């Protein structure tokens, strides 16, 4: 004799199993409001992870493009008109892509070693010249991507077209554009509107740690050198000044090249309140707020005739220098230099340096504060 158990009999015999089945049948994400899911997506930010989120469900696919906080990490640069670069993304070197013509020849001869990775910068944003190794979402139309083996590469410009409400955009390059020797410190931060508004550069010929046992001796030596705060005569004769000029020009070229290449993204994303373009090395940061972004959209851009970058206007600069600067955490900067730059026609005085203290993360922010208390030297530079 057989018995057929009705559903209510099953529930009485194994109530916990039925509850588990009922719970598994419910998608608890459906109970969450869109606003809460968007908050989660804002925390994720990384465009590659957001691209994968689009594959989870139709709901996620519709919500991801509404994210207001987006991060694009450029981890691979491949040129579609350079087969050697396509085979070896790391083989790109800065050459004629950014600095062209006679100016290029000058920099190759005099300042050559500092420009190693600039070719990658000239390629990383263009929809047909550079490609981001990244998952993407939406329909592929064949533009801004190539196939290399089993990996598809998309340009940041192409990937970001899927977003329509970005307010804060961060783009991170795999490395800074300026190829410098090991142990050398070079950091810069620049603010742009339609042209350069200000730039601050911090450099040092070497970075070491103080020897606790020799602190007294080091301090005594430093005091004998820096007693009056004047730049020593050797600074002008041993190439120290020339090197600082190279640092300044190189940083300004890097900043103006980044600014020029951001135009397509700024034009397409009118909801942007802030844009930051940095690099994984922490070498340089370009920043634009909403007012500066709007200014770039309405004012014509002055382009350098020598290369694809924004024209750098005539500049007023203030320079501070210390042969040796020991920071509170024990870091020692030799040949420490701070340069603060504003356009000559700027309404803000270049001597207004209150914003410099927040230009760099610690301990370099402290270094800037210490340098700015020293004797000031004034410089001028023509437009280039």
Protein backbone atom coordinates (compact mmCIF):
# COMPACT_ATOMS: atom_id res chain seq x y z
CA UNK A 1 0.00 0.00 0.00
CA UNK A 2 1.35 3.43 -0.89
CA UNK A 3 0.55 6.82 0.45
CA UNK A 4 0.74 10.14 -1.39
CA UNK A 5 1.88 12.94 0.88
CA UNK A 6 0.11 16.17 0.25
CA UNK A 7 2.05 19.46 0.44
CA UNK A 8 0.58 20.25 3.85
CA UNK A 9 1.76 16.85 5.12
CA UNK A 10 5.33 17.63 3.91
CA UNK A 11 5.28 20.99 5.67
CA UNK A 12 4.27 19.33 8.94
CA UNK A 13 6.97 16.64 8.65
CA UNK A 14 9.86 18.92 7.54
CA UNK A 15 8.88 22.55 8.22
CA UNK A 16 12.52 23.82 8.09
CA UNK A 17 13.04 22.40 4.57
CA UNK A 18 9.98 24.16 3.22
CA UNK A 19 11.07 27.46 4.77
CA UNK A 20 14.52 27.08 3.19
CA UNK A 21 12.98 26.41 -0.22
CA UNK A 22 10.70 29.43 0.11
CA UNK A 23 13.64 31.60 1.17
CA UNK A 24 15.79 30.42 -1.75
CA UNK A 25 13.02 31.29 -4.17
CA UNK A 26 13.05 34.93 -3.04
CA UNK A 27 15.66 37.31 -4.48
CA UNK A 28 16.33 39.57 -1.53
CA UNK A 29 18.03 42.12 -3.78
CA UNK A 30 14.61 42.81 -5.24
CA UNK A 31 13.58 44.15 -1.87
CA UNK A 32 16.32 46.80 -1.93
CA UNK A 33 15.46 50.21 -3.41
CA UNK A 34 17.44 51.44 -6.41
CA UNK A 35 18.90 54.27 -4.35
CA UNK A 36 20.57 51.81 -1.95
CA UNK A 37 22.04 49.71 -4.78
CA UNK A 38 23.38 52.89 -6.35
CA UNK A 39 25.13 53.70 -3.07
CA UNK A 40 26.86 50.32 -3.26
CA UNK A 41 27.88 50.98 -6.86
CA UNK A 42 29.30 54.38 -5.81
CA UNK A 43 31.56 52.59 -3.34
CA UNK A 44 32.74 50.17 -6.04
CA UNK A 45 33.52 52.98 -8.55
CA UNK A 46 36.04 50.90 -10.58
CA UNK A 47 34.72 50.81 -14.14
CA UNK A 48 35.98 47.26 -14.74
CA UNK A 49 34.12 45.92 -11.71
CA UNK A 50 31.03 47.90 -12.67
CA UNK A 51 31.22 46.31 -16.10
CA UNK A 52 31.05 42.88 -14.49
CA UNK A 53 28.14 44.01 -12.32
CA UNK A 54 26.19 44.70 -15.51
CA UNK A 55 26.21 40.98 -16.26
CA UNK A 56 24.49 40.09 -12.97
CA UNK A 57 20.97 41.08 -13.96
CA UNK A 58 18.94 43.42 -16.13
CA UNK A 59 18.34 45.59 -13.11
CA UNK A 60 22.06 46.01 -12.48
CA UNK A 61 22.60 46.61 -16.18
CA UNK A 62 20.17 49.53 -16.02
CA UNK A 63 21.55 50.97 -12.76
CA UNK A 64 25.30 50.91 -13.44
CA UNK A 65 25.16 53.71 -16.07
CA UNK A 66 23.61 55.95 -13.37
CA UNK A 67 26.71 55.74 -11.14
CA UNK A 68 27.99 59.21 -10.24
CA UNK A 69 31.41 58.19 -8.90
CA UNK A 70 33.59 56.37 -11.45
CA UNK A 71 37.24 55.29 -11.43
CA UNK A 72 39.08 54.27 -14.61
CA UNK A 73 42.41 52.52 -14.00
CA UNK A 74 44.39 52.41 -17.25
CA UNK A 75 46.47 49.26 -16.87
CA UNK A 76 47.51 48.63 -20.46
CA UNK A 77 48.39 50.94 -23.35
CA UNK A 78 48.50 49.57 -26.90
CA UNK A 79 48.88 51.60 -30.07
CA UNK A 80 46.96 50.34 -33.10
CA UNK A 81 49.40 52.06 -35.47
CA UNK A 82 52.51 50.61 -33.86
CA UNK A 83 52.81 46.85 -34.16
CA UNK A 84 55.74 46.69 -31.78
CA UNK A 85 53.65 48.38 -29.09
CA UNK A 86 50.82 45.95 -29.66
CA UNK A 87 53.17 43.04 -29.11
CA UNK A 88 54.82 44.60 -26.08
CA UNK A 89 52.70 47.27 -24.32
CA UNK A 90 55.56 48.09 -22.02
CA UNK A 91 57.90 48.93 -24.90
CA UNK A 92 56.36 52.36 -25.64
CA UNK A 93 58.72 55.25 -24.94
CA UNK A 94 58.11 58.96 -25.06
CA UNK A 95 59.44 60.45 -28.24
CA UNK A 96 57.79 62.51 -30.93
CA UNK A 97 54.18 61.88 -29.85
CA UNK A 98 53.99 64.81 -27.45
CA UNK A 99 56.93 67.08 -28.16
CA UNK A 100 57.38 67.54 -31.89
CA UNK A 101 59.46 69.42 -34.42
CA UNK A 102 62.52 71.39 -33.37
CA UNK A 103 61.34 71.48 -29.76
CA UNK A 104 61.40 67.68 -29.77
CA UNK A 105 65.00 67.67 -30.98
CA UNK A 106 65.99 70.15 -28.28
CA UNK A 107 64.49 68.06 -25.52
CA UNK A 108 65.94 64.82 -26.85
CA UNK A 109 69.42 66.29 -26.82
CA UNK A 110 69.35 68.35 -23.64
CA UNK A 111 66.64 66.79 -21.52
CA UNK A 112 66.25 63.36 -23.16
CA UNK A 113 66.30 60.99 -20.14
CA UNK A 114 63.34 62.63 -18.43
CA UNK A 115 60.78 61.93 -21.18
CA UNK A 116 60.74 58.14 -21.34
CA UNK A 117 57.00 57.16 -21.07
CA UNK A 118 55.23 60.12 -22.77
CA UNK A 119 54.17 58.17 -25.87
CA UNK A 120 51.74 56.19 -23.73
CA UNK A 121 50.14 59.42 -22.53
CA UNK A 122 49.59 60.52 -26.11
CA UNK A 123 47.76 57.27 -26.83
CA UNK A 124 45.75 56.43 -23.73
CA UNK A 125 42.57 58.43 -24.34
CA UNK A 126 42.01 58.49 -28.09
CA UNK A 127 39.24 56.11 -29.21
CA UNK A 128 41.36 54.71 -32.05
CA UNK A 129 44.85 55.08 -30.63
CA UNK A 130 44.78 53.52 -27.19
CA UNK A 131 43.06 50.73 -25.39
CA UNK A 132 42.21 49.95 -21.81
CA UNK A 133 42.31 46.33 -20.69
CA UNK A 134 38.88 46.29 -19.13
CA UNK A 135 35.49 44.62 -19.10
CA UNK A 136 32.84 46.85 -20.63
CA UNK A 137 29.13 46.79 -21.12
CA UNK A 138 26.72 47.89 -23.82
CA UNK A 139 26.86 47.24 -27.54
CA UNK A 140 30.26 47.09 -29.23
CA UNK A 141 30.35 49.10 -32.42
CA UNK A 142 33.89 48.27 -33.43
CA UNK A 143 35.30 51.67 -32.43
CA UNK A 144 37.86 52.14 -29.70
CA UNK A 145 38.74 48.49 -29.24
CA UNK A 146 40.86 45.70 -30.68
CA UNK A 147 41.27 42.02 -30.00
CA UNK A 148 44.64 40.79 -28.80
CA UNK A 149 44.55 37.06 -28.16
CA UNK A 150 41.49 36.59 -25.98
CA UNK A 151 41.59 40.04 -24.37
CA UNK A 152 39.53 42.99 -25.58
CA UNK A 153 40.98 46.45 -25.01
CA UNK A 154 38.77 49.52 -24.74
CA UNK A 155 39.73 53.18 -24.57
CA UNK A 156 38.50 55.12 -21.50
CA UNK A 157 36.59 57.47 -23.80
CA UNK A 158 34.67 54.53 -25.27
CA UNK A 159 33.95 52.82 -21.94
CA UNK A 160 32.73 56.02 -20.28
CA UNK A 161 30.14 56.60 -23.01
CA UNK A 162 27.98 54.06 -21.22
CA UNK A 163 27.67 56.39 -18.22
CA UNK A 164 25.39 59.40 -18.33
CA UNK A 165 25.39 60.86 -14.80
CA UNK A 166 29.04 60.95 -13.74
CA UNK A 167 29.76 63.69 -11.22
CA UNK A 168 33.20 62.67 -9.94
CA UNK A 169 35.55 61.00 -12.42
CA UNK A 170 39.00 59.69 -11.55
CA UNK A 171 41.38 58.37 -14.19
CA UNK A 172 44.61 56.70 -13.12
CA UNK A 173 47.52 56.08 -15.49
CA UNK A 174 49.79 53.07 -14.88
CA UNK A 175 52.78 55.37 -14.32
CA UNK A 176 53.84 58.98 -14.52
CA UNK A 177 55.04 60.42 -17.83
CA UNK A 178 58.39 61.64 -16.55
CA UNK A 179 61.13 59.04 -16.57
CA UNK A 180 63.42 59.98 -13.68
CA UNK A 181 66.39 58.27 -12.07
CA UNK A 182 65.96 56.01 -9.06
CA UNK A 183 66.00 57.91 -5.79
CA UNK A 184 64.94 61.22 -7.37
CA UNK A 185 61.72 62.80 -6.10
CA UNK A 186 59.49 64.70 -8.52
CA UNK A 187 55.83 65.45 -7.83
CA UNK A 188 53.48 67.98 -9.34
CA UNK A 189 49.88 69.08 -9.04
CA UNK A 190 48.09 71.35 -11.52
CA UNK A 191 44.65 72.94 -11.77
CA UNK A 192 43.23 73.78 -15.19
CA UNK A 193 40.26 75.60 -16.63
CA UNK A 194 40.53 76.39 -20.31
CA UNK A 195 44.24 76.86 -19.57
CA UNK A 196 46.63 76.43 -16.67
CA UNK A 197 45.44 78.15 -13.48
CA UNK A 198 48.18 77.05 -11.10
CA UNK A 199 50.82 74.39 -10.65
CA UNK A 200 53.04 73.37 -7.75
CA UNK A 201 56.12 71.17 -8.16
CA UNK A 202 58.12 69.45 -5.42
CA UNK A 203 61.47 67.87 -6.25
CA UNK A 204 64.60 66.52 -4.59
CA UNK A 205 67.78 65.09 -6.07
CA UNK A 206 67.68 62.22 -3.54
CA UNK A 207 65.51 60.88 -0.73
CA UNK A 208 67.09 59.08 2.22
CA UNK A 209 66.36 58.26 5.84
CA UNK A 210 68.13 60.01 8.69
CA UNK A 211 70.58 57.91 10.68
CA UNK A 212 69.40 58.06 14.31
CA UNK A 213 72.98 57.69 15.57
CA UNK A 214 74.16 60.54 13.38
CA UNK A 215 71.26 62.94 13.75
CA UNK A 216 73.30 65.49 15.68
CA UNK A 217 76.08 65.52 13.11
CA UNK A 218 73.65 65.76 10.18
CA UNK A 219 71.79 68.64 11.83
CA UNK A 220 75.03 70.51 12.40
CA UNK A 221 76.09 70.11 8.77
CA UNK A 222 72.67 71.22 7.60
CA UNK A 223 72.75 74.29 9.82
CA UNK A 224 76.16 75.33 8.49
CA UNK A 225 74.85 75.10 4.89
CA UNK A 226 71.40 76.64 5.39
CA UNK A 227 72.26 79.28 7.95
CA UNK A 228 71.03 82.30 5.98
CA UNK A 229 68.53 80.53 3.72
CA UNK A 230 70.34 81.65 0.56
CA UNK A 231 70.91 79.35 -2.40
CA UNK A 232 74.61 78.37 -2.42
CA UNK A 233 76.75 79.47 -5.36
CA UNK A 234 77.34 75.84 -6.33
CA UNK A 235 73.63 75.56 -7.16
CA UNK A 236 74.25 77.71 -10.25
CA UNK A 237 77.55 76.13 -11.29
CA UNK A 238 77.01 72.38 -10.81
CA UNK A 239 73.86 72.09 -12.93
CA UNK A 240 71.42 72.32 -10.02
CA UNK A 241 69.48 75.25 -11.50
CA UNK A 242 69.40 73.68 -14.96
CA UNK A 243 67.96 70.46 -13.51
CA UNK A 244 65.19 72.40 -11.72
CA UNK A 245 64.31 74.15 -14.98
CA UNK A 246 64.07 70.72 -16.63
CA UNK A 247 61.77 69.49 -13.84
CA UNK A 248 59.54 72.54 -14.20
CA UNK A 249 59.23 72.43 -17.99
CA UNK A 250 58.72 68.66 -18.00
CA UNK A 251 55.97 68.81 -15.38
CA UNK A 252 54.18 71.60 -17.24
CA UNK A 253 54.33 69.65 -20.52
CA UNK A 254 52.98 66.55 -18.78
CA UNK A 255 50.13 68.54 -17.23
CA UNK A 256 49.21 70.35 -20.47
CA UNK A 257 49.28 67.07 -22.45
CA UNK A 258 46.89 65.44 -19.98
CA UNK A 259 44.62 68.49 -20.15
CA UNK A 260 44.47 68.42 -23.94
CA UNK A 261 43.62 64.70 -24.05
CA UNK A 262 40.72 65.08 -21.61
CA UNK A 263 38.68 67.26 -23.96
CA UNK A 264 36.48 64.48 -25.48
CA UNK A 265 35.47 63.18 -22.05
CA UNK A 266 34.73 66.67 -20.71
CA UNK A 267 32.58 67.52 -23.73
CA UNK A 268 30.55 64.30 -23.51
CA UNK A 269 29.94 64.31 -19.74
CA UNK A 270 28.30 67.61 -18.89
CA UNK A 271 27.23 66.41 -15.41
CA UNK A 272 30.84 66.35 -14.17
CA UNK A 273 31.51 68.29 -10.98
CA UNK A 274 35.10 67.17 -10.58
CA UNK A 275 37.72 65.38 -12.64
CA UNK A 276 41.09 64.09 -11.41
CA UNK A 277 43.73 62.51 -13.65
CA UNK A 278 46.56 60.95 -11.66
CA UNK A 279 48.98 58.04 -11.96
CA UNK A 280 49.77 54.95 -9.91
CA UNK A 281 53.26 56.28 -9.14
CA UNK A 282 51.83 59.38 -7.45
CA UNK A 283 53.98 61.55 -9.70
CA UNK A 284 51.44 64.03 -11.06
CA UNK A 285 47.84 65.07 -10.46
CA UNK A 286 45.66 67.17 -12.76
CA UNK A 287 42.48 68.45 -11.14
CA UNK A 288 39.44 70.32 -12.47
CA UNK A 289 36.35 71.47 -10.55
CA UNK A 290 32.92 72.20 -12.01
CA UNK A 291 33.64 75.85 -12.77
CA UNK A 292 36.87 74.94 -14.54
CA UNK A 293 35.14 72.18 -16.52
CA UNK A 294 32.43 74.62 -17.65
CA UNK A 295 35.06 77.15 -18.64
CA UNK A 296 36.79 74.60 -20.86
CA UNK A 297 33.49 73.82 -22.62
CA UNK A 298 32.74 77.45 -23.49
CA UNK A 299 36.17 78.93 -24.10
CA UNK A 300 38.30 78.00 -27.11
CA UNK A 301 41.34 75.95 -26.20
CA UNK A 302 44.77 77.35 -27.06
CA UNK A 303 46.75 74.47 -28.54
CA UNK A 304 50.54 74.32 -28.76
CA UNK A 305 51.77 74.39 -32.34
CA UNK A 306 54.57 71.99 -31.40
CA UNK A 307 52.47 69.09 -30.17
CA UNK A 308 49.07 67.85 -29.03
CA UNK A 309 48.84 69.67 -25.73
CA UNK A 310 47.34 72.82 -24.29
CA UNK A 311 49.47 75.94 -24.74
CA UNK A 312 51.20 76.93 -21.51
CA UNK A 313 50.75 80.70 -20.95
CA UNK A 314 53.43 83.14 -19.79
CA UNK A 315 54.15 82.34 -16.15
CA UNK A 316 55.26 83.90 -12.89
CA UNK A 317 56.99 81.50 -10.52
CA UNK A 318 58.27 81.41 -6.95
CA UNK A 319 61.06 79.01 -6.03
CA UNK A 320 62.26 77.80 -2.63
CA UNK A 321 65.35 75.67 -2.18
CA UNK A 322 67.13 73.82 0.64
CA UNK A 323 70.39 71.86 0.15
CA UNK A 324 69.10 69.43 2.75
CA UNK A 325 65.67 69.21 4.36
CA UNK A 326 65.01 66.79 7.22
CA UNK A 327 61.33 66.03 7.82
CA UNK A 328 59.83 65.16 11.22
CA UNK A 329 59.40 61.51 10.23
CA UNK A 330 63.14 61.12 9.55
CA UNK A 331 62.99 61.46 5.76
CA UNK A 332 65.80 63.60 4.34
CA UNK A 333 65.37 65.45 1.03
CA UNK A 334 68.64 66.57 -0.55
CA UNK A 335 68.38 69.45 -2.98
CA UNK A 336 64.74 69.98 -1.95
CA UNK A 337 62.94 72.39 -4.28
CA UNK A 338 59.43 73.83 -4.34
CA UNK A 339 58.13 75.76 -7.36
CA UNK A 340 54.76 77.54 -7.31
CA UNK A 341 53.44 78.70 -10.69
CA UNK A 342 50.61 80.95 -11.86
CA UNK A 343 49.94 82.58 -15.26
CA UNK A 344 51.31 86.10 -15.54
CA UNK A 345 47.82 87.44 -16.29
CA UNK A 346 46.20 85.65 -13.35
CA UNK A 347 44.17 87.83 -10.99
CA UNK A 348 45.51 85.79 -8.08
CA UNK A 349 48.95 86.75 -6.88
CA UNK A 350 51.59 84.05 -7.20
CA UNK A 351 52.73 84.93 -3.67
CA UNK A 352 49.34 83.72 -2.34
CA UNK A 353 50.55 80.25 -1.47
CA UNK A 354 47.99 79.23 1.14
CA UNK A 355 46.74 76.43 -1.15
CA UNK A 356 50.21 74.85 -1.46
CA UNK A 357 50.03 73.10 1.93
CA UNK A 358 47.28 70.80 0.66
CA UNK A 359 48.83 70.06 -2.72
CA UNK A 360 50.64 66.91 -1.62
CA UNK A 361 50.00 64.01 0.70
CA UNK A 362 52.18 63.54 3.76
CA UNK A 363 55.04 63.66 4.37
CA UNK A 364 55.49 65.80 1.25
CA UNK A 365 52.87 68.31 2.36
CA UNK A 366 55.04 68.99 5.40
CA UNK A 367 58.07 69.38 3.14
CA UNK A 368 56.23 72.05 1.14
CA UNK A 369 55.27 73.90 4.33
CA UNK A 370 58.88 73.87 5.52
CA UNK A 371 60.27 75.06 2.19
CA UNK A 372 57.80 77.89 1.82
CA UNK A 373 59.17 79.51 5.00
CA UNK A 374 62.58 79.91 3.41
CA UNK A 375 63.86 82.71 1.19
CA UNK A 376 61.81 83.19 -1.98
CA UNK A 377 63.26 83.48 -5.48
CA UNK A 378 61.23 84.89 -8.37
CA UNK A 379 61.30 83.56 -11.92
CA UNK A 380 59.43 84.22 -15.16
CA UNK A 381 58.80 81.98 -18.15
CA UNK A 382 57.43 82.78 -21.60
CA UNK A 383 54.49 80.94 -23.15
CA UNK A 384 55.36 77.65 -24.89
